[in-house]
Protein backbone atom coordinates (compact mmCIF):
# COMPACT_ATOMS: atom_id res chain seq x y z
CA UNK A 1 -38.06 -22.22 -11.23
CA UNK A 2 -36.80 -20.22 -8.29
CA UNK A 3 -38.80 -22.42 -5.76
CA UNK A 4 -37.23 -25.57 -7.15
CA UNK A 5 -33.74 -24.12 -6.64
CA UNK A 6 -34.65 -23.20 -2.98
CA UNK A 7 -36.03 -26.61 -2.39
CA UNK A 8 -32.89 -28.42 -3.75
CA UNK A 9 -30.57 -26.28 -1.74
CA UNK A 10 -32.72 -26.82 1.39
CA UNK A 11 -32.43 -30.58 0.95
CA UNK A 12 -28.76 -30.78 -0.20
CA UNK A 13 -27.02 -28.48 2.26
CA UNK A 14 -27.74 -30.60 5.45
CA UNK A 15 -26.88 -33.74 3.50
CA UNK A 16 -23.53 -32.34 2.47
CA UNK A 17 -22.75 -31.01 5.94
CA UNK A 18 -23.83 -34.26 7.69
CA UNK A 19 -21.73 -36.43 5.28
CA UNK A 20 -18.48 -35.00 6.69
CA UNK A 21 -18.85 -36.03 10.21
CA UNK A 22 -17.07 -39.39 10.20
CA UNK A 23 -14.30 -38.55 7.77
CA UNK A 24 -10.62 -38.91 8.58
CA UNK A 25 -8.31 -35.87 8.45
CA UNK A 26 -6.99 -37.08 5.16
CA UNK A 27 -10.52 -37.35 3.60
CA UNK A 28 -11.41 -33.90 5.09
CA UNK A 29 -8.31 -32.46 3.63
CA UNK A 30 -8.98 -33.92 0.18
CA UNK A 31 -12.67 -32.74 0.12
CA UNK A 32 -11.95 -29.18 1.30
CA UNK A 33 -8.82 -28.86 -0.94
CA UNK A 34 -10.83 -30.01 -3.90
CA UNK A 35 -13.62 -27.53 -3.21
CA UNK A 36 -11.25 -24.63 -2.68
CA UNK A 37 -9.24 -25.64 -5.69
CA UNK A 38 -12.24 -25.79 -7.99
CA UNK A 39 -13.44 -22.41 -6.85
CA UNK A 40 -10.09 -20.90 -7.20
CA UNK A 41 -9.44 -22.49 -10.58
CA UNK A 42 -12.84 -21.34 -11.96
CA UNK A 43 -12.23 -17.73 -10.70
CA UNK A 44 -8.71 -17.65 -11.97
CA UNK A 45 -9.69 -18.96 -15.37
CA UNK A 46 -12.48 -16.40 -15.68
CA UNK A 47 -10.17 -13.61 -14.85
CA UNK A 48 -7.64 -14.53 -17.56
CA UNK A 49 -10.39 -15.27 -20.12
CA UNK A 50 -10.13 -19.02 -20.17
CA UNK A 51 -12.90 -21.63 -19.65
CA UNK A 52 -14.10 -21.56 -16.04
CA UNK A 53 -15.14 -25.12 -16.40
CA UNK A 54 -11.61 -26.22 -17.33
CA UNK A 55 -10.18 -24.06 -14.56
CA UNK A 56 -12.56 -25.71 -11.96
CA UNK A 57 -11.55 -29.21 -13.14
CA UNK A 58 -7.85 -28.51 -13.04
CA UNK A 59 -8.02 -26.57 -9.78
CA UNK A 60 -10.22 -29.23 -8.21
CA UNK A 61 -7.93 -32.04 -9.10
CA UNK A 62 -4.80 -30.16 -7.81
CA UNK A 63 -6.62 -29.05 -4.76
CA UNK A 64 -7.75 -32.58 -4.02
CA UNK A 65 -4.19 -33.85 -4.26
CA UNK A 66 -2.88 -31.03 -2.21
CA UNK A 67 -5.59 -31.42 0.44
CA UNK A 68 -5.03 -35.08 0.65
CA UNK A 69 -1.31 -34.61 1.36
CA UNK A 70 -2.10 -31.89 3.91
CA UNK A 71 -4.57 -34.10 5.63
CA UNK A 72 -2.08 -36.93 5.77
CA UNK A 73 0.40 -34.76 7.48
CA UNK A 74 -2.27 -33.69 10.06
CA UNK A 75 -2.64 -37.29 11.21
CA UNK A 76 -4.58 -39.28 8.69
CA UNK A 77 -7.15 -40.57 11.18
CA UNK A 78 -9.64 -38.86 13.50
CA UNK A 79 -7.89 -38.16 16.77
């Protein structure tokens, strides 16, 4: 079981990092905002005793929207 997790991570991490190279600032903002929002939402929900899954979904959605807007203000396209 442990070996399969290591194998999956070894294969997915480079793919995830490489997928971000040709993204616009708007897309980068949405992706990073969603990831940060999901992590923050899950952690916040766990602290208050709510469902971490629900917190991750809500936080991810809000973070994606906020990151998209932030990326739009930074230029929208790669410069």
